[in-house]
């Protein structure tokens, strides 16, 4: 009987130990789950702070570029001469529309590159006076409804050898299309080419 009671006491102690282990395991599991929640919340805060830091860095880089541009602009204005003129043009473009900026760019290219350059033609000679007297020119404008900007067309009339007819009358017509939306060139930059075509090929050129 004493042996049976001893065994019962041993088993009771084991059961109590297992129950304690089970309870401790439940507590540890809850603690681990709570730590995982805290870790997830901490990671979310880290991600949010990282995004805010990246945004701040981008803003700082942009402000740095703006500061560098302003510094360079001030240096150009203080330098005077052509540098100051270009700086003033850059300032003016800030408030311009896209169309106005494109027009300003064309005018700048025309004034810096095209002015003072005399066209050269093997048959008309290099004299600007001879070149411009070779054909007759007429500027036309076609208007569109709705406030759209007018379309400019320039006609050049050649002449037949020995013909007394006015420039271009009765002659074949060549239509010269200016490509790329007049980004860098216009009717004036290609005036010499269309005049040469009209004079040398003895035909009428309609450029637009």
N, C-alpha and C. Protein backbone atom coordinates (compact mmCIF):
# COMPACT_ATOMS: atom_id res chain seq x y z
N UNK A 1 0.83 -1.20 0.00
CA UNK A 1 0.00 0.00 0.00
C UNK A 1 0.87 1.26 0.00
N UNK A 2 1.93 1.19 0.79
CA UNK A 2 2.84 2.34 0.84
C UNK A 2 3.48 2.60 -0.51
N UNK A 3 3.78 1.50 -1.27
CA UNK A 3 4.39 1.67 -2.59
C UNK A 3 3.43 2.32 -3.56
N UNK A 4 2.15 1.94 -3.45
CA UNK A 4 1.15 2.53 -4.36
C UNK A 4 1.01 4.02 -4.07
N UNK A 5 0.99 4.39 -2.82
CA UNK A 5 0.86 5.79 -2.47
C UNK A 5 2.07 6.60 -2.93
N UNK A 6 3.23 5.95 -2.85
CA UNK A 6 4.44 6.64 -3.31
C UNK A 6 4.39 6.89 -4.81
N UNK A 7 3.92 5.87 -5.54
CA UNK A 7 3.81 6.04 -7.00
C UNK A 7 2.78 7.12 -7.34
N UNK A 8 1.66 7.12 -6.57
CA UNK A 8 0.63 8.13 -6.82
C UNK A 8 1.19 9.53 -6.58
N UNK A 9 1.97 9.66 -5.51
CA UNK A 9 2.57 10.97 -5.24
C UNK A 9 3.54 11.38 -6.35
N UNK A 10 4.25 10.41 -6.89
CA UNK A 10 5.20 10.69 -7.98
C UNK A 10 4.46 11.17 -9.22
N UNK A 11 3.36 10.47 -9.55
CA UNK A 11 2.58 10.85 -10.74
C UNK A 11 1.91 12.21 -10.55
N UNK A 12 1.44 12.47 -9.32
CA UNK A 12 0.83 13.78 -9.05
C UNK A 12 1.85 14.90 -9.25
N UNK A 13 3.07 14.63 -8.80
CA UNK A 13 4.12 15.64 -8.97
C UNK A 13 4.44 15.86 -10.44
N UNK A 14 4.45 14.79 -11.23
CA UNK A 14 4.71 14.92 -12.67
C UNK A 14 3.60 15.72 -13.35
N UNK A 15 2.35 15.40 -12.97
CA UNK A 15 1.22 16.12 -13.57
C UNK A 15 1.30 17.60 -13.24
N UNK A 16 1.62 17.88 -11.98
CA UNK A 16 1.74 19.28 -11.57
C UNK A 16 2.85 19.99 -12.35
N UNK A 17 3.95 19.30 -12.56
CA UNK A 17 5.07 19.87 -13.31
C UNK A 17 4.68 20.13 -14.76
N UNK A 18 3.97 19.18 -15.37
CA UNK A 18 3.54 19.35 -16.76
C UNK A 18 2.57 20.52 -16.89
N UNK A 19 1.66 20.64 -15.92
CA UNK A 19 0.71 21.75 -15.95
C UNK A 19 1.43 23.09 -15.81
N UNK A 20 2.46 23.09 -14.95
CA UNK A 20 3.25 24.32 -14.79
C UNK A 20 3.97 24.68 -16.08
N UNK A 21 4.55 23.65 -16.72
CA UNK A 21 5.23 23.88 -18.01
C UNK A 21 4.25 24.41 -19.05
N UNK A 22 3.04 23.82 -19.07
CA UNK A 22 2.03 24.27 -20.03
C UNK A 22 1.65 25.71 -19.79
N UNK A 23 1.44 26.04 -18.52
CA UNK A 23 1.07 27.42 -18.20
C UNK A 23 2.19 28.39 -18.57
N UNK A 24 3.42 27.99 -18.26
CA UNK A 24 4.56 28.85 -18.61
C UNK A 24 4.69 29.02 -20.12
N UNK A 25 4.40 27.93 -20.85
CA UNK A 25 4.47 28.00 -22.31
C UNK A 25 3.44 28.98 -22.85
N UNK A 26 2.26 28.98 -22.28
CA UNK A 26 1.22 29.91 -22.72
C UNK A 26 1.64 31.35 -22.46
N UNK A 27 2.25 31.56 -21.29
CA UNK A 27 2.71 32.92 -20.95
C UNK A 27 3.81 33.37 -21.91
N UNK A 28 4.76 32.47 -22.18
CA UNK A 28 5.85 32.80 -23.10
C UNK A 28 5.31 33.07 -24.50
N UNK A 29 4.33 32.25 -24.95
CA UNK A 29 3.74 32.46 -26.28
C UNK A 29 3.09 33.83 -26.37
N UNK A 30 2.35 34.22 -25.34
CA UNK A 30 1.72 35.53 -25.33
C UNK A 30 2.77 36.64 -25.35
N UNK A 31 3.84 36.44 -24.60
CA UNK A 31 4.91 37.45 -24.59
C UNK A 31 5.57 37.58 -25.96
N UNK A 32 5.79 36.41 -26.62
CA UNK A 32 6.40 36.43 -27.95
C UNK A 32 5.49 37.14 -28.94
N UNK A 33 4.18 36.86 -28.88
CA UNK A 33 3.23 37.51 -29.78
C UNK A 33 3.21 39.02 -29.55
N UNK A 34 3.28 39.43 -28.28
CA UNK A 34 3.30 40.85 -27.97
C UNK A 34 4.58 41.51 -28.50
N UNK A 35 5.70 40.80 -28.36
CA UNK A 35 6.96 41.33 -28.89
C UNK A 35 6.92 41.44 -30.42
N UNK A 36 6.28 40.46 -31.07
CA UNK A 36 6.16 40.52 -32.53
C UNK A 36 5.32 41.72 -32.96
N UNK A 37 4.24 42.00 -32.21
CA UNK A 37 3.42 43.16 -32.53
C UNK A 37 4.23 44.45 -32.36
N UNK A 38 4.99 44.51 -31.27
CA UNK A 38 5.82 45.70 -31.05
C UNK A 38 6.88 45.85 -32.14
N UNK A 39 7.45 44.71 -32.57
CA UNK A 39 8.47 44.76 -33.63
C UNK A 39 7.85 45.24 -34.94
N UNK A 40 6.61 44.77 -35.25
CA UNK A 40 5.93 45.20 -36.47
C UNK A 40 5.63 46.69 -36.42
N UNK A 41 5.16 47.17 -35.26
CA UNK A 41 4.87 48.60 -35.12
C UNK A 41 6.15 49.42 -35.25
N UNK A 42 7.24 48.92 -34.66
CA UNK A 42 8.52 49.62 -34.76
C UNK A 42 9.02 49.66 -36.20
N UNK A 43 8.85 48.55 -36.92
CA UNK A 43 9.27 48.51 -38.32
C UNK A 43 8.45 49.48 -39.16
N UNK A 44 7.16 49.59 -38.86
CA UNK A 44 6.31 50.53 -39.58
C UNK A 44 6.77 51.97 -39.33
N UNK A 45 7.12 52.27 -38.08
CA UNK A 45 7.64 53.61 -37.78
C UNK A 45 8.95 53.87 -38.51
N UNK A 46 9.81 52.84 -38.56
CA UNK A 46 11.09 52.99 -39.27
C UNK A 46 10.85 53.26 -40.75
N UNK A 47 9.91 52.51 -41.36
CA UNK A 47 9.60 52.72 -42.78
C UNK A 47 9.05 54.12 -43.02
N UNK A 48 8.17 54.58 -42.12
CA UNK A 48 7.61 55.91 -42.27
C UNK A 48 8.69 56.98 -42.14
N UNK A 49 9.57 56.81 -41.17
CA UNK A 49 10.67 57.78 -41.00
C UNK A 49 11.62 57.75 -42.19
N UNK A 50 11.83 56.55 -42.77
CA UNK A 50 12.70 56.43 -43.94
C UNK A 50 12.10 57.17 -45.13
N UNK A 51 10.78 57.01 -45.33
CA UNK A 51 10.12 57.73 -46.43
C UNK A 51 10.20 59.24 -46.22
N UNK A 52 9.97 59.66 -44.99
CA UNK A 52 10.05 61.10 -44.71
C UNK A 52 11.47 61.62 -44.91
N UNK A 53 12.45 60.81 -44.56
CA UNK A 53 13.85 61.21 -44.75
C UNK A 53 14.18 61.31 -46.23
N UNK A 54 13.71 60.34 -47.03
CA UNK A 54 13.95 60.39 -48.47
C UNK A 54 13.30 61.62 -49.09
N UNK A 55 12.06 61.92 -48.65
CA UNK A 55 11.37 63.11 -49.16
C UNK A 55 12.13 64.37 -48.79
N UNK A 56 12.62 64.40 -47.55
CA UNK A 56 13.39 65.58 -47.11
C UNK A 56 14.68 65.71 -47.91
N UNK A 57 15.33 64.58 -48.21
CA UNK A 57 16.57 64.62 -48.99
C UNK A 57 16.30 65.12 -50.41
N UNK A 58 15.17 64.65 -51.01
CA UNK A 58 14.82 65.12 -52.35
C UNK A 58 14.56 66.62 -52.34
N UNK A 59 13.82 67.07 -51.33
CA UNK A 59 13.55 68.50 -51.22
C UNK A 59 14.84 69.29 -51.01
N UNK A 60 15.74 68.73 -50.20
CA UNK A 60 17.02 69.40 -49.96
C UNK A 60 17.84 69.47 -51.24
N UNK A 61 17.84 68.37 -52.02
CA UNK A 61 18.57 68.37 -53.29
C UNK A 61 17.99 69.41 -54.24
N UNK A 62 16.65 69.49 -54.27
CA UNK A 62 16.01 70.47 -55.14
C UNK A 62 16.36 71.89 -54.71
N UNK A 63 16.32 72.14 -53.40
CA UNK A 63 16.67 73.48 -52.91
C UNK A 63 18.14 73.79 -53.19
N UNK A 64 18.98 72.77 -53.10
CA UNK A 64 20.40 72.98 -53.39
C UNK A 64 20.60 73.35 -54.85
N UNK A 65 19.88 72.63 -55.75
CA UNK A 65 19.98 72.97 -57.18
C UNK A 65 19.47 74.38 -57.44
N UNK A 66 18.34 74.74 -56.79
CA UNK A 66 17.82 76.09 -56.97
C UNK A 66 18.81 77.13 -56.47
N UNK A 67 19.45 76.83 -55.34
CA UNK A 67 20.45 77.76 -54.80
C UNK A 67 21.63 77.91 -55.75
N UNK A 68 22.08 76.77 -56.30
CA UNK A 68 23.20 76.83 -57.25
C UNK A 68 22.81 77.62 -58.50
N UNK A 69 21.56 77.40 -58.97
CA UNK A 69 21.11 78.13 -60.16
C UNK A 69 21.05 79.63 -59.88
N UNK A 70 20.53 79.97 -58.69
CA UNK A 70 20.45 81.39 -58.33
C UNK A 70 21.85 82.01 -58.22
N UNK A 71 22.77 81.24 -57.63
CA UNK A 71 24.14 81.74 -57.52
C UNK A 71 24.76 81.97 -58.90
N UNK A 72 24.57 80.99 -59.79
CA UNK A 72 25.09 81.15 -61.15
C UNK A 72 24.43 82.30 -61.88
N UNK A 73 23.11 82.48 -61.65
CA UNK A 73 22.40 83.57 -62.29
C UNK A 73 22.91 84.92 -61.81
N UNK A 74 23.13 85.03 -60.52
CA UNK A 74 23.67 86.28 -59.96
C UNK A 74 25.06 86.57 -60.53
N UNK A 75 25.88 85.53 -60.62
CA UNK A 75 27.22 85.72 -61.19
C UNK A 75 27.14 86.20 -62.63
N UNK A 76 26.20 85.63 -63.41
CA UNK A 76 26.05 86.05 -64.81
C UNK A 76 25.58 87.49 -64.90
N UNK A 77 24.63 87.88 -64.03
CA UNK A 77 24.13 89.25 -64.06
C UNK A 77 25.23 90.24 -63.68
N UNK A 78 26.04 89.87 -62.70
CA UNK A 78 27.13 90.75 -62.28
C UNK A 78 28.23 90.84 -63.32
N UNK A 79 28.36 89.79 -64.16
CA UNK A 79 29.42 89.79 -65.17
C UNK A 79 29.14 90.80 -66.27
N UNK A 80 27.85 91.08 -66.53
CA UNK A 80 27.49 92.01 -67.58
C UNK A 80 27.72 91.44 -68.97
N UNK A 81 27.46 92.25 -69.97
CA UNK A 81 27.68 91.82 -71.35
C UNK A 81 26.76 90.70 -71.79
N UNK A 82 27.24 89.84 -72.67
CA UNK A 82 26.42 88.73 -73.19
C UNK A 82 25.93 87.79 -72.09
N UNK A 83 26.76 87.56 -71.07
CA UNK A 83 26.33 86.67 -69.98
C UNK A 83 25.12 87.24 -69.26
N UNK A 84 25.13 88.53 -69.01
CA UNK A 84 24.00 89.17 -68.34
C UNK A 84 22.75 89.13 -69.22
N UNK A 85 22.94 89.30 -70.52
CA UNK A 85 21.81 89.25 -71.44
C UNK A 85 21.17 87.87 -71.44
N UNK A 86 22.00 86.84 -71.47
CA UNK A 86 21.45 85.48 -71.44
C UNK A 86 20.74 85.21 -70.11
N UNK A 87 21.31 85.74 -69.02
CA UNK A 87 20.67 85.55 -67.71
C UNK A 87 19.31 86.24 -67.66
N UNK A 88 19.21 87.42 -68.22
CA UNK A 88 17.93 88.13 -68.26
C UNK A 88 16.91 87.36 -69.09
N UNK A 89 17.35 86.75 -70.16
CA UNK A 89 16.44 85.96 -70.99
C UNK A 89 15.95 84.74 -70.23
N UNK A 90 16.84 84.11 -69.45
CA UNK A 90 16.41 82.96 -68.65
C UNK A 90 15.37 83.38 -67.61
N UNK A 91 15.57 84.53 -67.00
CA UNK A 91 14.60 85.03 -66.04
C UNK A 91 13.26 85.31 -66.70
N UNK A 92 13.31 85.87 -67.90
CA UNK A 92 12.06 86.20 -68.60
C UNK A 92 11.29 84.94 -68.96
N UNK A 93 12.00 83.86 -69.28
CA UNK A 93 11.32 82.63 -69.70
C UNK A 93 10.55 81.96 -68.57
N UNK A 94 10.88 82.30 -67.33
CA UNK A 94 10.20 81.66 -66.20
C UNK A 94 8.70 81.93 -66.24
N UNK A 95 8.30 83.13 -66.64
CA UNK A 95 6.89 83.51 -66.65
C UNK A 95 6.26 83.32 -68.02
N UNK A 96 6.99 82.78 -68.99
CA UNK A 96 6.46 82.61 -70.34
C UNK A 96 5.68 81.31 -70.48
N UNK A 97 4.74 81.31 -71.41
CA UNK A 97 4.08 80.07 -71.78
C UNK A 97 5.02 79.25 -72.67
N UNK A 98 4.64 78.01 -72.92
CA UNK A 98 5.47 77.15 -73.77
C UNK A 98 5.63 77.75 -75.16
N UNK A 99 4.56 78.28 -75.71
CA UNK A 99 4.63 78.89 -77.05
C UNK A 99 5.53 80.11 -77.04
N UNK A 100 5.43 80.92 -75.99
CA UNK A 100 6.28 82.11 -75.91
C UNK A 100 7.76 81.74 -75.75
N UNK A 101 8.03 80.69 -74.97
CA UNK A 101 9.43 80.25 -74.82
C UNK A 101 9.98 79.74 -76.14
N UNK A 102 9.15 79.00 -76.89
CA UNK A 102 9.59 78.50 -78.19
C UNK A 102 9.90 79.65 -79.13
N UNK A 103 9.03 80.68 -79.13
CA UNK A 103 9.26 81.83 -79.99
C UNK A 103 10.53 82.57 -79.58
N UNK A 104 10.75 82.71 -78.28
CA UNK A 104 11.97 83.38 -77.80
C UNK A 104 13.21 82.59 -78.20
N UNK A 105 13.12 81.27 -78.13
CA UNK A 105 14.25 80.44 -78.52
C UNK A 105 14.55 80.60 -80.01
N UNK A 106 13.49 80.62 -80.83
CA UNK A 106 13.70 80.81 -82.28
C UNK A 106 14.36 82.16 -82.56
N UNK A 107 13.87 83.20 -81.87
CA UNK A 107 14.45 84.53 -82.09
C UNK A 107 15.91 84.57 -81.65
N UNK A 108 16.21 83.88 -80.55
CA UNK A 108 17.60 83.86 -80.08
C UNK A 108 18.50 83.14 -81.08
N UNK A 109 18.03 81.99 -81.59
CA UNK A 109 18.82 81.26 -82.58
C UNK A 109 19.01 82.11 -83.83
N UNK A 110 17.93 82.78 -84.24
CA UNK A 110 18.01 83.60 -85.46
C UNK A 110 19.00 84.75 -85.28
N UNK A 111 18.96 85.41 -84.11
CA UNK A 111 19.84 86.56 -83.90
C UNK A 111 21.29 86.15 -83.71
N UNK A 112 21.51 84.99 -83.08
CA UNK A 112 22.88 84.55 -82.79
C UNK A 112 23.54 83.83 -83.95
N UNK A 113 22.73 83.18 -84.79
CA UNK A 113 23.29 82.31 -85.83
C UNK A 113 23.06 82.86 -87.22
N UNK A 114 21.83 83.32 -87.48
CA UNK A 114 21.46 83.64 -88.85
C UNK A 114 21.80 85.07 -89.26
N UNK A 115 21.75 86.01 -88.34
CA UNK A 115 21.98 87.40 -88.72
C UNK A 115 23.41 87.60 -89.22
N UNK A 116 23.53 88.32 -90.28
CA UNK A 116 24.85 88.61 -90.83
C UNK A 116 25.42 87.53 -91.71
N UNK A 117 24.68 86.42 -91.90
CA UNK A 117 25.16 85.34 -92.74
C UNK A 117 24.53 85.48 -94.11
N UNK A 118 25.33 85.74 -95.11
CA UNK A 118 24.81 85.89 -96.46
C UNK A 118 24.68 84.53 -97.12
N UNK A 119 23.54 84.26 -97.76
CA UNK A 119 23.36 82.98 -98.45
C UNK A 119 24.31 82.85 -99.63
N UNK A 120 24.73 81.65 -99.89
CA UNK A 120 25.66 81.39 -100.98
C UNK A 120 25.00 80.46 -101.99
N UNK A 121 24.97 80.84 -103.22
CA UNK A 121 24.41 80.01 -104.28
C UNK A 121 25.38 80.00 -105.45
N UNK A 122 25.65 78.85 -106.04
CA UNK A 122 26.62 78.80 -107.14
C UNK A 122 26.17 79.58 -108.36
N UNK A 123 24.86 79.80 -108.54
CA UNK A 123 24.40 80.49 -109.74
C UNK A 123 23.98 81.93 -109.44
N UNK A 124 23.49 82.16 -108.20
CA UNK A 124 23.05 83.51 -107.87
C UNK A 124 24.16 84.35 -107.28
N UNK A 125 25.29 83.72 -106.96
CA UNK A 125 26.39 84.45 -106.36
C UNK A 125 26.20 84.59 -104.86
N UNK A 126 27.21 85.14 -104.21
CA UNK A 126 27.16 85.27 -102.76
C UNK A 126 26.64 86.62 -102.31
N UNK A 127 26.34 87.51 -103.23
CA UNK A 127 25.85 88.83 -102.86
C UNK A 127 24.42 88.74 -102.37
N UNK A 128 24.14 89.29 -101.20
CA UNK A 128 22.78 89.26 -100.68
C UNK A 128 21.85 90.08 -101.57
N UNK A 129 22.35 91.17 -102.15
CA UNK A 129 21.51 91.98 -103.02
C UNK A 129 21.11 91.20 -104.26
N UNK A 130 22.06 90.55 -104.90
CA UNK A 130 21.75 89.74 -106.08
C UNK A 130 20.78 88.62 -105.71
N UNK A 131 21.01 88.00 -104.57
CA UNK A 131 20.21 86.86 -104.15
C UNK A 131 18.75 87.27 -103.94
N UNK A 132 18.52 88.39 -103.26
CA UNK A 132 17.17 88.80 -102.92
C UNK A 132 16.43 89.39 -104.11
N UNK A 133 17.13 89.80 -105.15
CA UNK A 133 16.46 90.32 -106.34
C UNK A 133 16.14 89.22 -107.33
N UNK A 134 16.51 87.99 -107.02
CA UNK A 134 16.36 86.91 -107.99
C UNK A 134 14.91 86.53 -108.20
N UNK A 135 14.07 86.56 -107.16
CA UNK A 135 12.67 86.15 -107.27
C UNK A 135 11.79 87.14 -106.53
N UNK A 136 10.50 87.07 -106.83
CA UNK A 136 9.53 87.88 -106.10
C UNK A 136 8.97 87.06 -104.94
N UNK A 137 8.71 87.74 -103.83
CA UNK A 137 8.23 87.05 -102.64
C UNK A 137 6.94 87.70 -102.14
N UNK A 138 6.03 86.84 -101.66
CA UNK A 138 4.77 87.35 -101.11
C UNK A 138 4.43 86.56 -99.86
N UNK A 139 4.16 87.27 -98.76
CA UNK A 139 3.79 86.63 -97.50
C UNK A 139 2.27 86.60 -97.35
N UNK A 140 1.75 85.44 -96.98
CA UNK A 140 0.32 85.25 -96.78
C UNK A 140 0.07 84.69 -95.39
N UNK A 141 -1.15 84.88 -94.89
CA UNK A 141 -1.56 84.32 -93.61
C UNK A 141 -2.93 83.67 -93.76
N UNK A 142 -3.07 82.48 -93.21
CA UNK A 142 -4.34 81.76 -93.22
C UNK A 142 -4.84 81.67 -91.78
N UNK A 143 -6.04 82.20 -91.56
CA UNK A 143 -6.61 82.25 -90.22
C UNK A 143 -7.52 81.05 -89.98
N UNK A 144 -7.49 80.56 -88.74
CA UNK A 144 -8.35 79.45 -88.33
C UNK A 144 -9.31 79.93 -87.25
N UNK A 145 -10.54 79.42 -87.24
CA UNK A 145 -11.48 79.82 -86.18
C UNK A 145 -11.06 79.25 -84.83
N UNK A 146 -11.62 79.83 -83.78
CA UNK A 146 -11.34 79.32 -82.43
C UNK A 146 -10.12 79.91 -81.78
N UNK A 147 -9.56 80.96 -82.35
CA UNK A 147 -8.41 81.60 -81.71
C UNK A 147 -7.08 80.94 -81.98
N UNK A 148 -7.03 79.98 -82.91
CA UNK A 148 -5.76 79.32 -83.23
C UNK A 148 -4.82 80.32 -83.91
N UNK A 149 -3.52 80.19 -83.67
CA UNK A 149 -2.58 81.13 -84.30
C UNK A 149 -2.62 80.99 -85.82
N UNK A 150 -2.44 82.09 -86.54
CA UNK A 150 -2.47 82.02 -88.01
C UNK A 150 -1.30 81.22 -88.57
N UNK A 151 -1.53 80.65 -89.73
CA UNK A 151 -0.49 79.89 -90.43
C UNK A 151 0.12 80.80 -91.49
N UNK A 152 1.43 81.01 -91.40
CA UNK A 152 2.12 81.86 -92.36
C UNK A 152 2.60 81.02 -93.54
N UNK A 153 2.38 81.54 -94.72
CA UNK A 153 2.84 80.90 -95.95
C UNK A 153 3.57 81.95 -96.77
N UNK A 154 4.71 81.57 -97.31
CA UNK A 154 5.51 82.50 -98.12
C UNK A 154 5.66 81.91 -99.51
N UNK A 155 5.32 82.70 -100.51
CA UNK A 155 5.39 82.25 -101.90
C UNK A 155 6.54 82.96 -102.61
N UNK A 156 7.29 82.18 -103.37
CA UNK A 156 8.42 82.70 -104.15
C UNK A 156 8.13 82.41 -105.62
N UNK A 157 8.14 83.46 -106.43
CA UNK A 157 7.85 83.28 -107.84
C UNK A 157 9.11 83.34 -108.68
N UNK A 158 9.44 82.24 -109.35
CA UNK A 158 10.57 82.23 -110.26
C UNK A 158 10.15 82.84 -111.59
N UNK A 159 10.98 82.74 -112.60
CA UNK A 159 10.63 83.27 -113.92
C UNK A 159 11.25 82.40 -114.99
N UNK A 160 10.51 82.23 -116.08
CA UNK A 160 11.02 81.47 -117.21
C UNK A 160 12.01 82.31 -118.00
N UNK A 161 13.01 81.66 -118.54
CA UNK A 161 14.01 82.38 -119.33
C UNK A 161 13.35 83.04 -120.53
N UNK A 162 13.47 84.36 -120.63
CA UNK A 162 12.90 85.09 -121.75
C UNK A 162 11.44 85.38 -121.59
N UNK A 163 10.83 85.04 -120.43
CA UNK A 163 9.41 85.27 -120.23
C UNK A 163 9.19 86.62 -119.59
N UNK A 164 8.13 87.30 -120.01
CA UNK A 164 7.80 88.60 -119.42
C UNK A 164 6.67 88.48 -118.40
N UNK A 165 6.21 87.25 -118.12
CA UNK A 165 5.11 87.06 -117.17
C UNK A 165 5.59 87.40 -115.77
N UNK A 166 4.70 87.92 -114.90
CA UNK A 166 5.11 88.23 -113.53
C UNK A 166 5.56 86.98 -112.81
N UNK A 167 6.36 87.19 -111.76
CA UNK A 167 7.00 86.07 -111.08
C UNK A 167 6.04 84.97 -110.69
N UNK A 168 6.27 83.78 -111.21
CA UNK A 168 5.55 82.60 -110.78
C UNK A 168 4.30 82.28 -111.57
N UNK A 169 3.78 83.18 -112.40
CA UNK A 169 2.53 82.93 -113.11
C UNK A 169 2.73 81.84 -114.15
N UNK A 170 1.90 80.80 -114.10
CA UNK A 170 1.97 79.72 -115.07
C UNK A 170 3.08 78.73 -114.85
N UNK A 171 3.82 78.86 -113.76
CA UNK A 171 4.94 77.95 -113.50
C UNK A 171 4.51 76.79 -112.61
N UNK A 172 5.24 75.68 -112.66
CA UNK A 172 4.96 74.58 -111.71
C UNK A 172 5.13 75.07 -110.28
N UNK A 173 4.47 74.39 -109.36
CA UNK A 173 4.50 74.79 -107.95
C UNK A 173 5.17 73.70 -107.11
N UNK A 174 6.11 74.11 -106.29
CA UNK A 174 6.75 73.22 -105.32
C UNK A 174 6.32 73.66 -103.92
N UNK A 175 5.75 72.75 -103.16
CA UNK A 175 5.33 73.06 -101.78
C UNK A 175 6.43 72.60 -100.83
N UNK A 176 6.98 73.54 -100.08
CA UNK A 176 8.07 73.24 -99.14
C UNK A 176 7.48 73.22 -97.73
N UNK A 177 7.43 72.03 -97.12
CA UNK A 177 6.90 71.90 -95.76
C UNK A 177 8.04 72.00 -94.75
N UNK A 178 7.91 72.93 -93.82
CA UNK A 178 8.88 73.07 -92.74
C UNK A 178 8.54 72.06 -91.65
N UNK A 179 9.46 71.15 -91.37
CA UNK A 179 9.19 70.11 -90.38
C UNK A 179 9.52 70.53 -88.96
N UNK A 180 9.19 69.65 -88.02
CA UNK A 180 9.53 69.79 -86.59
C UNK A 180 8.88 71.00 -85.94
N UNK A 181 7.76 71.47 -86.50
CA UNK A 181 6.98 72.51 -85.83
C UNK A 181 7.69 73.83 -85.61
N UNK A 182 8.61 74.21 -86.51
CA UNK A 182 9.33 75.48 -86.39
C UNK A 182 10.04 75.60 -85.04
N UNK A 183 10.63 74.51 -84.57
CA UNK A 183 11.30 74.54 -83.27
C UNK A 183 12.54 75.41 -83.33
N UNK A 184 13.40 75.17 -84.30
CA UNK A 184 14.65 75.93 -84.38
C UNK A 184 14.71 76.82 -85.61
N UNK A 185 13.90 76.56 -86.61
CA UNK A 185 13.92 77.35 -87.83
C UNK A 185 12.55 77.93 -88.12
N UNK A 186 12.49 78.79 -89.13
CA UNK A 186 11.21 79.39 -89.54
C UNK A 186 11.32 79.78 -91.01
N UNK A 187 10.37 80.57 -91.45
CA UNK A 187 10.39 80.99 -92.86
C UNK A 187 11.63 81.81 -93.18
N UNK A 188 12.10 82.59 -92.23
CA UNK A 188 13.26 83.44 -92.49
C UNK A 188 14.56 82.65 -92.57
N UNK A 189 14.70 81.63 -91.70
CA UNK A 189 15.95 80.86 -91.71
C UNK A 189 16.10 80.06 -93.00
N UNK A 190 14.98 79.68 -93.62
CA UNK A 190 15.03 78.90 -94.86
C UNK A 190 14.67 79.74 -96.09
N UNK A 191 14.67 81.06 -95.90
CA UNK A 191 14.31 81.94 -97.01
C UNK A 191 15.26 81.77 -98.19
N UNK A 192 16.56 81.71 -97.90
CA UNK A 192 17.55 81.59 -98.98
C UNK A 192 17.36 80.31 -99.78
N UNK A 193 17.01 79.21 -99.08
CA UNK A 193 16.84 77.93 -99.76
C UNK A 193 15.65 77.97 -100.71
N UNK A 194 14.53 78.50 -100.22
CA UNK A 194 13.33 78.54 -101.07
C UNK A 194 13.52 79.50 -102.24
N UNK A 195 14.24 80.61 -102.00
CA UNK A 195 14.54 81.52 -103.11
C UNK A 195 15.41 80.84 -104.16
N UNK A 196 16.40 80.10 -103.71
CA UNK A 196 17.28 79.41 -104.64
C UNK A 196 16.51 78.39 -105.46
N UNK A 197 15.62 77.64 -104.81
CA UNK A 197 14.81 76.65 -105.53
C UNK A 197 13.96 77.32 -106.60
N UNK A 198 13.32 78.43 -106.22
CA UNK A 198 12.45 79.12 -107.17
C UNK A 198 13.23 79.68 -108.35
N UNK A 199 14.39 80.27 -108.06
CA UNK A 199 15.17 80.92 -109.12
C UNK A 199 15.87 79.91 -110.01
N UNK A 200 16.50 78.91 -109.41
CA UNK A 200 17.30 77.97 -110.19
C UNK A 200 16.46 76.94 -110.92
N UNK A 201 15.32 76.54 -110.30
CA UNK A 201 14.45 75.55 -110.96
C UNK A 201 13.37 76.21 -111.79
N UNK A 202 13.27 77.54 -111.73
CA UNK A 202 12.26 78.30 -112.48
C UNK A 202 10.86 77.77 -112.19
N UNK A 203 10.50 77.81 -110.92
CA UNK A 203 9.16 77.39 -110.51
C UNK A 203 8.72 78.24 -109.33
N UNK A 204 7.47 78.06 -108.92
CA UNK A 204 6.93 78.77 -107.77
C UNK A 204 7.05 77.89 -106.54
N UNK A 205 7.58 78.44 -105.47
CA UNK A 205 7.73 77.71 -104.21
C UNK A 205 6.77 78.29 -103.19
N UNK A 206 5.95 77.42 -102.61
CA UNK A 206 5.06 77.81 -101.51
C UNK A 206 5.59 77.16 -100.24
N UNK A 207 6.12 77.98 -99.34
CA UNK A 207 6.73 77.46 -98.10
C UNK A 207 5.82 77.76 -96.92
N UNK A 208 5.62 76.75 -96.09
CA UNK A 208 4.76 76.94 -94.93
C UNK A 208 5.01 75.89 -93.89
